[in-house]
All heavy atoms as atom14 arrays in JSON, in Angstrom:
{
  "sequence": "DGIAQALRYAQALQCPRLHVMAGLVPAGADAATVRA",
  "atom14_mask": [
    [1, 1, 1, 1, 1, 1, 1, 1, 0, 0, 0, 0, 0, 0],
    [1, 1, 1, 1, 0, 0, 0, 0, 0, 0, 0, 0, 0, 0],
    [1, 1, 1, 1, 1, 1, 1, 1, 0, 0, 0, 0, 0, 0],
    [1, 1, 1, 1, 1, 0, 0, 0, 0, 0, 0, 0, 0, 0],
    [1, 1, 1, 1, 1, 1, 1, 1, 1, 0, 0, 0, 0, 0],
    [1, 1, 1, 1, 1, 0, 0, 0, 0, 0, 0, 0, 0, 0],
    [1, 1, 1, 1, 1, 1, 1, 1, 0, 0, 0, 0, 0, 0],
    [1, 1, 1, 1, 1, 1, 1, 1, 1, 1, 1, 0, 0, 0],
    [1, 1, 1, 1, 1, 1, 1, 1, 1, 1, 1, 1, 0, 0],
    [1, 1, 1, 1, 1, 0, 0, 0, 0, 0, 0, 0, 0, 0],
    [1, 1, 1, 1, 1, 1, 1, 1, 1, 0, 0, 0, 0, 0],
    [1, 1, 1, 1, 1, 0, 0, 0, 0, 0, 0, 0, 0, 0],
    [1, 1, 1, 1, 1, 1, 1, 1, 0, 0, 0, 0, 0, 0],
    [1, 1, 1, 1, 1, 1, 1, 1, 1, 0, 0, 0, 0, 0],
    [1, 1, 1, 1, 1, 1, 0, 0, 0, 0, 0, 0, 0, 0],
    [1, 1, 1, 1, 1, 1, 1, 0, 0, 0, 0, 0, 0, 0],
    [1, 1, 1, 1, 1, 1, 1, 1, 1, 1, 1, 0, 0, 0],
    [1, 1, 1, 1, 1, 1, 1, 1, 0, 0, 0, 0, 0, 0],
    [1, 1, 1, 1, 1, 1, 1, 1, 1, 1, 0, 0, 0, 0],
    [1, 1, 1, 1, 1, 1, 1, 0, 0, 0, 0, 0, 0, 0],
    [1, 1, 1, 1, 1, 1, 1, 1, 0, 0, 0, 0, 0, 0],
    [1, 1, 1, 1, 1, 0, 0, 0, 0, 0, 0, 0, 0, 0],
    [1, 1, 1, 1, 0, 0, 0, 0, 0, 0, 0, 0, 0, 0],
    [1, 1, 1, 1, 1, 1, 1, 1, 0, 0, 0, 0, 0, 0],
    [1, 1, 1, 1, 1, 1, 1, 0, 0, 0, 0, 0, 0, 0],
    [1, 1, 1, 1, 1, 1, 1, 0, 0, 0, 0, 0, 0, 0],
    [1, 1, 1, 1, 1, 0, 0, 0, 0, 0, 0, 0, 0, 0],
    [1, 1, 1, 1, 0, 0, 0, 0, 0, 0, 0, 0, 0, 0],
    [1, 1, 1, 1, 1, 0, 0, 0, 0, 0, 0, 0, 0, 0],
    [1, 1, 1, 1, 1, 1, 1, 1, 0, 0, 0, 0, 0, 0],
    [1, 1, 1, 1, 1, 0, 0, 0, 0, 0, 0, 0, 0, 0],
    [1, 1, 1, 1, 1, 0, 0, 0, 0, 0, 0, 0, 0, 0],
    [1, 1, 1, 1, 1, 1, 1, 0, 0, 0, 0, 0, 0, 0],
    [1, 1, 1, 1, 1, 1, 1, 0, 0, 0, 0, 0, 0, 0],
    [1, 1, 1, 1, 1, 1, 1, 1, 1, 1, 1, 0, 0, 0],
    [1, 1, 1, 1, 1, 0, 0, 0, 0, 0, 0, 0, 0, 0]
  ],
  "atom14_positions": [
    [[109.53, 95.6, 85.93], [110.89, 95.13, 85.65], [111.32, 94.09, 86.68], [111.98, 93.1, 86.34], [111.86, 96.31, 85.66], [111.7, 97.22, 84.44], [111.06, 96.8, 83.46], [112.23, 98.36, 84.5], [0.0, 0.0, 0.0], [0.0, 0.0, 0.0], [0.0, 0.0, 0.0], [0.0, 0.0, 0.0], [0.0, 0.0, 0.0], [0.0, 0.0, 0.0]],
    [[110.96, 94.33, 87.94], [111.32, 93.39, 89.0], [110.65, 92.04, 88.82], [111.27, 90.98, 89.04], [0.0, 0.0, 0.0], [0.0, 0.0, 0.0], [0.0, 0.0, 0.0], [0.0, 0.0, 0.0], [0.0, 0.0, 0.0], [0.0, 0.0, 0.0], [0.0, 0.0, 0.0], [0.0, 0.0, 0.0], [0.0, 0.0, 0.0], [0.0, 0.0, 0.0]],
    [[109.39, 92.04, 88.41], [108.69, 90.78, 88.17], [109.34, 90.02, 87.01], [109.53, 88.8, 87.07], [107.21, 91.04, 87.9], [106.52, 91.55, 89.16], [106.52, 89.78, 87.37], [106.53, 90.6, 90.34], [0.0, 0.0, 0.0], [0.0, 0.0, 0.0], [0.0, 0.0, 0.0], [0.0, 0.0, 0.0], [0.0, 0.0, 0.0], [0.0, 0.0, 0.0]],
    [[109.72, 90.73, 85.97], [110.38, 90.07, 84.85], [111.7, 89.43, 85.29], [112.02, 88.3, 84.9], [110.63, 91.09, 83.73], [0.0, 0.0, 0.0], [0.0, 0.0, 0.0], [0.0, 0.0, 0.0], [0.0, 0.0, 0.0], [0.0, 0.0, 0.0], [0.0, 0.0, 0.0], [0.0, 0.0, 0.0], [0.0, 0.0, 0.0], [0.0, 0.0, 0.0]],
    [[112.46, 90.15, 86.11], [113.71, 89.59, 86.62], [113.44, 88.37, 87.49], [114.11, 87.33, 87.37], [114.47, 90.65, 87.43], [115.8, 90.15, 87.98], [116.47, 91.17, 88.89], [115.8, 92.04, 89.46], [117.78, 91.08, 89.03], [0.0, 0.0, 0.0], [0.0, 0.0, 0.0], [0.0, 0.0, 0.0], [0.0, 0.0, 0.0], [0.0, 0.0, 0.0]],
    [[112.46, 88.46, 88.39], [112.14, 87.34, 89.27], [111.72, 86.11, 88.49], [112.11, 84.98, 88.83], [111.05, 87.76, 90.25], [0.0, 0.0, 0.0], [0.0, 0.0, 0.0], [0.0, 0.0, 0.0], [0.0, 0.0, 0.0], [0.0, 0.0, 0.0], [0.0, 0.0, 0.0], [0.0, 0.0, 0.0], [0.0, 0.0, 0.0], [0.0, 0.0, 0.0]],
    [[110.96, 86.3, 87.43], [110.51, 85.16, 86.66], [111.64, 84.51, 85.87], [111.63, 83.3, 85.63], [109.36, 85.57, 85.74], [108.04, 85.88, 86.47], [107.01, 86.44, 85.52], [107.5, 84.62, 87.17], [0.0, 0.0, 0.0], [0.0, 0.0, 0.0], [0.0, 0.0, 0.0], [0.0, 0.0, 0.0], [0.0, 0.0, 0.0], [0.0, 0.0, 0.0]],
    [[112.63, 85.31, 85.48], [113.82, 84.7, 84.85], [114.53, 83.79, 85.85], [114.96, 82.67, 85.49], [114.76, 85.79, 84.35], [114.26, 86.53, 83.11], [115.35, 87.36, 82.47], [115.8, 88.46, 83.31], [115.26, 89.67, 83.32], [114.24, 89.96, 82.53], [115.74, 90.62, 84.11], [0.0, 0.0, 0.0], [0.0, 0.0, 0.0], [0.0, 0.0, 0.0]],
    [[114.65, 84.23, 87.08], [115.26, 83.39, 88.12], [114.4, 82.17, 88.4], [114.91, 81.05, 88.56], [115.48, 84.19, 89.4], [116.8, 84.92, 89.45], [116.98, 86.13, 88.79], [117.87, 84.4, 90.15], [118.19, 86.8, 88.83], [119.1, 85.06, 90.2], [119.25, 86.25, 89.54], [120.46, 86.91, 89.58], [0.0, 0.0, 0.0], [0.0, 0.0, 0.0]],
    [[113.09, 82.37, 88.5], [112.2, 81.25, 88.79], [112.31, 80.16, 87.73], [112.29, 78.96, 88.04], [110.75, 81.74, 88.88], [0.0, 0.0, 0.0], [0.0, 0.0, 0.0], [0.0, 0.0, 0.0], [0.0, 0.0, 0.0], [0.0, 0.0, 0.0], [0.0, 0.0, 0.0], [0.0, 0.0, 0.0], [0.0, 0.0, 0.0], [0.0, 0.0, 0.0]],
    [[112.46, 80.57, 86.48], [112.6, 79.59, 85.4], [113.91, 78.83, 85.54], [113.94, 77.6, 85.44], [112.53, 80.29, 84.05], [112.55, 79.34, 82.87], [112.28, 80.06, 81.56], [112.7, 81.19, 81.36], [111.56, 79.41, 80.66], [0.0, 0.0, 0.0], [0.0, 0.0, 0.0], [0.0, 0.0, 0.0], [0.0, 0.0, 0.0], [0.0, 0.0, 0.0]],
    [[114.99, 79.54, 85.81], [116.3, 78.89, 85.94], [116.35, 77.96, 87.14], [116.99, 76.91, 87.1], [117.39, 79.95, 86.04], [0.0, 0.0, 0.0], [0.0, 0.0, 0.0], [0.0, 0.0, 0.0], [0.0, 0.0, 0.0], [0.0, 0.0, 0.0], [0.0, 0.0, 0.0], [0.0, 0.0, 0.0], [0.0, 0.0, 0.0], [0.0, 0.0, 0.0]],
    [[115.67, 78.34, 88.23], [115.72, 77.57, 89.48], [114.58, 76.57, 89.57], [114.47, 75.86, 90.58], [115.67, 78.53, 90.67], [116.77, 79.59, 90.73], [116.58, 80.5, 91.93], [118.15, 78.94, 90.77], [0.0, 0.0, 0.0], [0.0, 0.0, 0.0], [0.0, 0.0, 0.0], [0.0, 0.0, 0.0], [0.0, 0.0, 0.0], [0.0, 0.0, 0.0]],
    [[113.72, 76.52, 88.55], [112.55, 75.65, 88.55], [111.73, 75.85, 89.82], [111.28, 74.89, 90.47], [112.96, 74.18, 88.39], [113.71, 73.91, 87.1], [114.1, 72.46, 86.94], [113.31, 71.55, 87.21], [115.33, 72.2, 86.52], [0.0, 0.0, 0.0], [0.0, 0.0, 0.0], [0.0, 0.0, 0.0], [0.0, 0.0, 0.0], [0.0, 0.0, 0.0]],
    [[111.52, 77.12, 90.16], [110.82, 77.48, 91.39], [109.37, 77.81, 91.07], [109.1, 78.69, 90.25], [111.5, 78.67, 92.05], [110.73, 79.16, 93.61], [0.0, 0.0, 0.0], [0.0, 0.0, 0.0], [0.0, 0.0, 0.0], [0.0, 0.0, 0.0], [0.0, 0.0, 0.0], [0.0, 0.0, 0.0], [0.0, 0.0, 0.0], [0.0, 0.0, 0.0]],
    [[108.41, 77.16, 91.72], [107.01, 77.34, 91.36], [106.27, 78.44, 92.1], [105.1, 78.67, 91.84], [106.4, 75.97, 91.72], [107.2, 75.52, 92.9], [108.6, 76.03, 92.65], [0.0, 0.0, 0.0], [0.0, 0.0, 0.0], [0.0, 0.0, 0.0], [0.0, 0.0, 0.0], [0.0, 0.0, 0.0], [0.0, 0.0, 0.0], [0.0, 0.0, 0.0]],
    [[106.95, 79.12, 93.05], [106.28, 80.14, 93.86], [107.14, 81.39, 93.98], [108.36, 81.28, 94.17], [105.99, 79.62, 95.28], [105.06, 78.44, 95.36], [105.04, 77.81, 96.73], [104.47, 76.47, 96.66], [105.17, 75.39, 96.35], [106.48, 75.48, 96.11], [104.56, 74.22, 96.28], [0.0, 0.0, 0.0], [0.0, 0.0, 0.0], [0.0, 0.0, 0.0]],
    [[106.47, 82.53, 93.93], [107.15, 83.81, 94.03], [106.37, 84.69, 95.0], [105.19, 84.97, 94.77], [107.23, 84.47, 92.65], [107.97, 85.8, 92.54], [109.44, 85.62, 92.87], [107.8, 86.35, 91.13], [0.0, 0.0, 0.0], [0.0, 0.0, 0.0], [0.0, 0.0, 0.0], [0.0, 0.0, 0.0], [0.0, 0.0, 0.0], [0.0, 0.0, 0.0]],
    [[107.02, 85.07, 96.09], [106.38, 85.96, 97.06], [106.62, 87.41, 96.61], [107.76, 87.83, 96.42], [106.96, 85.75, 98.46], [106.54, 86.78, 99.45], [107.36, 87.24, 100.45], [105.37, 87.47, 99.59], [106.72, 88.16, 101.16], [105.51, 88.31, 100.66], [0.0, 0.0, 0.0], [0.0, 0.0, 0.0], [0.0, 0.0, 0.0], [0.0, 0.0, 0.0]],
    [[105.53, 88.15, 96.45], [105.6, 89.56, 96.08], [105.27, 90.4, 97.3], [104.1, 90.43, 97.74], [104.65, 89.88, 94.91], [104.71, 91.37, 94.57], [105.0, 89.04, 93.69], [0.0, 0.0, 0.0], [0.0, 0.0, 0.0], [0.0, 0.0, 0.0], [0.0, 0.0, 0.0], [0.0, 0.0, 0.0], [0.0, 0.0, 0.0], [0.0, 0.0, 0.0]],
    [[106.27, 91.05, 97.87], [106.06, 91.85, 99.07], [105.21, 93.08, 98.73], [105.45, 93.76, 97.73], [107.39, 92.27, 99.68], [108.24, 91.11, 100.16], [109.72, 91.65, 101.06], [108.97, 92.14, 102.63], [0.0, 0.0, 0.0], [0.0, 0.0, 0.0], [0.0, 0.0, 0.0], [0.0, 0.0, 0.0], [0.0, 0.0, 0.0], [0.0, 0.0, 0.0]],
    [[104.26, 93.39, 99.58], [103.32, 94.48, 99.31], [103.97, 95.85, 99.42], [103.7, 96.75, 98.63], [102.13, 94.4, 100.26], [0.0, 0.0, 0.0], [0.0, 0.0, 0.0], [0.0, 0.0, 0.0], [0.0, 0.0, 0.0], [0.0, 0.0, 0.0], [0.0, 0.0, 0.0], [0.0, 0.0, 0.0], [0.0, 0.0, 0.0], [0.0, 0.0, 0.0]],
    [[104.82, 96.03, 100.43], [105.46, 97.32, 100.64], [104.87, 98.09, 101.8], [103.79, 97.77, 102.33], [0.0, 0.0, 0.0], [0.0, 0.0, 0.0], [0.0, 0.0, 0.0], [0.0, 0.0, 0.0], [0.0, 0.0, 0.0], [0.0, 0.0, 0.0], [0.0, 0.0, 0.0], [0.0, 0.0, 0.0], [0.0, 0.0, 0.0], [0.0, 0.0, 0.0]],
    [[105.58, 99.14, 102.21], [105.13, 100.04, 103.27], [104.25, 101.13, 102.65], [104.58, 101.69, 101.61], [106.33, 100.68, 103.97], [107.42, 99.71, 104.47], [108.54, 100.49, 105.15], [106.84, 98.66, 105.42], [0.0, 0.0, 0.0], [0.0, 0.0, 0.0], [0.0, 0.0, 0.0], [0.0, 0.0, 0.0], [0.0, 0.0, 0.0], [0.0, 0.0, 0.0]],
    [[103.14, 101.41, 103.29], [102.22, 102.42, 102.77], [102.89, 103.8, 102.88], [103.34, 104.2, 103.95], [100.91, 102.43, 103.56], [99.99, 103.54, 103.08], [100.22, 101.07, 103.44], [0.0, 0.0, 0.0], [0.0, 0.0, 0.0], [0.0, 0.0, 0.0], [0.0, 0.0, 0.0], [0.0, 0.0, 0.0], [0.0, 0.0, 0.0], [0.0, 0.0, 0.0]],
    [[103.02, 104.54, 101.77], [103.66, 105.85, 101.82], [102.9, 106.82, 102.73], [101.67, 106.83, 102.75], [103.62, 106.32, 100.36], [103.41, 105.07, 99.55], [102.61, 104.16, 100.41], [0.0, 0.0, 0.0], [0.0, 0.0, 0.0], [0.0, 0.0, 0.0], [0.0, 0.0, 0.0], [0.0, 0.0, 0.0], [0.0, 0.0, 0.0], [0.0, 0.0, 0.0]],
    [[103.64, 107.61, 103.47], [103.02, 108.59, 104.37], [102.14, 109.55, 103.57], [102.56, 110.07, 102.54], [104.09, 109.37, 105.12], [0.0, 0.0, 0.0], [0.0, 0.0, 0.0], [0.0, 0.0, 0.0], [0.0, 0.0, 0.0], [0.0, 0.0, 0.0], [0.0, 0.0, 0.0], [0.0, 0.0, 0.0], [0.0, 0.0, 0.0], [0.0, 0.0, 0.0]],
    [[100.93, 109.73, 104.05], [100.02, 110.67, 103.42], [99.35, 110.19, 102.15], [98.59, 110.93, 101.53], [0.0, 0.0, 0.0], [0.0, 0.0, 0.0], [0.0, 0.0, 0.0], [0.0, 0.0, 0.0], [0.0, 0.0, 0.0], [0.0, 0.0, 0.0], [0.0, 0.0, 0.0], [0.0, 0.0, 0.0], [0.0, 0.0, 0.0], [0.0, 0.0, 0.0]],
    [[99.61, 108.94, 101.75], [99.04, 108.43, 100.5], [97.55, 108.16, 100.66], [97.08, 107.81, 101.75], [99.77, 107.16, 100.08], [0.0, 0.0, 0.0], [0.0, 0.0, 0.0], [0.0, 0.0, 0.0], [0.0, 0.0, 0.0], [0.0, 0.0, 0.0], [0.0, 0.0, 0.0], [0.0, 0.0, 0.0], [0.0, 0.0, 0.0], [0.0, 0.0, 0.0]],
    [[96.82, 108.31, 99.58], [95.39, 108.01, 99.57], [95.2, 106.5, 99.62], [95.74, 105.76, 98.79], [94.76, 108.58, 98.3], [93.3, 108.2, 98.16], [92.48, 108.74, 98.94], [92.99, 107.36, 97.3], [0.0, 0.0, 0.0], [0.0, 0.0, 0.0], [0.0, 0.0, 0.0], [0.0, 0.0, 0.0], [0.0, 0.0, 0.0], [0.0, 0.0, 0.0]],
    [[94.42, 106.03, 100.6], [94.28, 104.59, 100.83], [93.69, 103.88, 99.61], [94.13, 102.77, 99.25], [93.42, 104.34, 102.05], [0.0, 0.0, 0.0], [0.0, 0.0, 0.0], [0.0, 0.0, 0.0], [0.0, 0.0, 0.0], [0.0, 0.0, 0.0], [0.0, 0.0, 0.0], [0.0, 0.0, 0.0], [0.0, 0.0, 0.0], [0.0, 0.0, 0.0]],
    [[92.72, 104.48, 98.97], [92.09, 103.84, 97.81], [93.08, 103.72, 96.66], [93.09, 102.71, 95.94], [90.86, 104.63, 97.38], [0.0, 0.0, 0.0], [0.0, 0.0, 0.0], [0.0, 0.0, 0.0], [0.0, 0.0, 0.0], [0.0, 0.0, 0.0], [0.0, 0.0, 0.0], [0.0, 0.0, 0.0], [0.0, 0.0, 0.0], [0.0, 0.0, 0.0]],
    [[93.91, 104.74, 96.47], [94.91, 104.69, 95.4], [95.95, 103.63, 95.67], [96.37, 102.89, 94.76], [95.58, 106.07, 95.25], [94.58, 107.04, 94.97], [96.61, 106.06, 94.12], [0.0, 0.0, 0.0], [0.0, 0.0, 0.0], [0.0, 0.0, 0.0], [0.0, 0.0, 0.0], [0.0, 0.0, 0.0], [0.0, 0.0, 0.0], [0.0, 0.0, 0.0]],
    [[96.38, 103.52, 96.92], [97.36, 102.51, 97.3], [96.8, 101.11, 97.04], [97.48, 100.25, 96.45], [97.75, 102.68, 98.79], [98.52, 101.47, 99.29], [98.57, 103.94, 98.98], [0.0, 0.0, 0.0], [0.0, 0.0, 0.0], [0.0, 0.0, 0.0], [0.0, 0.0, 0.0], [0.0, 0.0, 0.0], [0.0, 0.0, 0.0], [0.0, 0.0, 0.0]],
    [[95.57, 100.87, 97.43], [94.95, 99.56, 97.24], [94.79, 99.25, 95.75], [95.07, 98.12, 95.31], [93.6, 99.52, 97.95], [92.99, 98.13, 98.06], [91.72, 98.18, 98.92], [91.29, 96.84, 99.26], [90.53, 96.07, 98.47], [90.16, 96.54, 97.29], [90.17, 94.87, 98.86], [0.0, 0.0, 0.0], [0.0, 0.0, 0.0], [0.0, 0.0, 0.0]],
    [[94.35, 100.22, 94.99], [94.16, 100.01, 93.55], [95.49, 99.72, 92.87], [95.58, 98.88, 91.96], [93.49, 101.23, 92.93], [0.0, 0.0, 0.0], [0.0, 0.0, 0.0], [0.0, 0.0, 0.0], [0.0, 0.0, 0.0], [0.0, 0.0, 0.0], [0.0, 0.0, 0.0], [0.0, 0.0, 0.0], [0.0, 0.0, 0.0], [0.0, 0.0, 0.0]]
  ]
}
């Protein structure tokens, strides 16, 4: 949903780049699952 919203803004602003923040790794999360 967030990507869809960002792309609506990018179209209106004629912006060619969108930075997607990776996020903080959840405590105790499986590293392979997080990466996938």
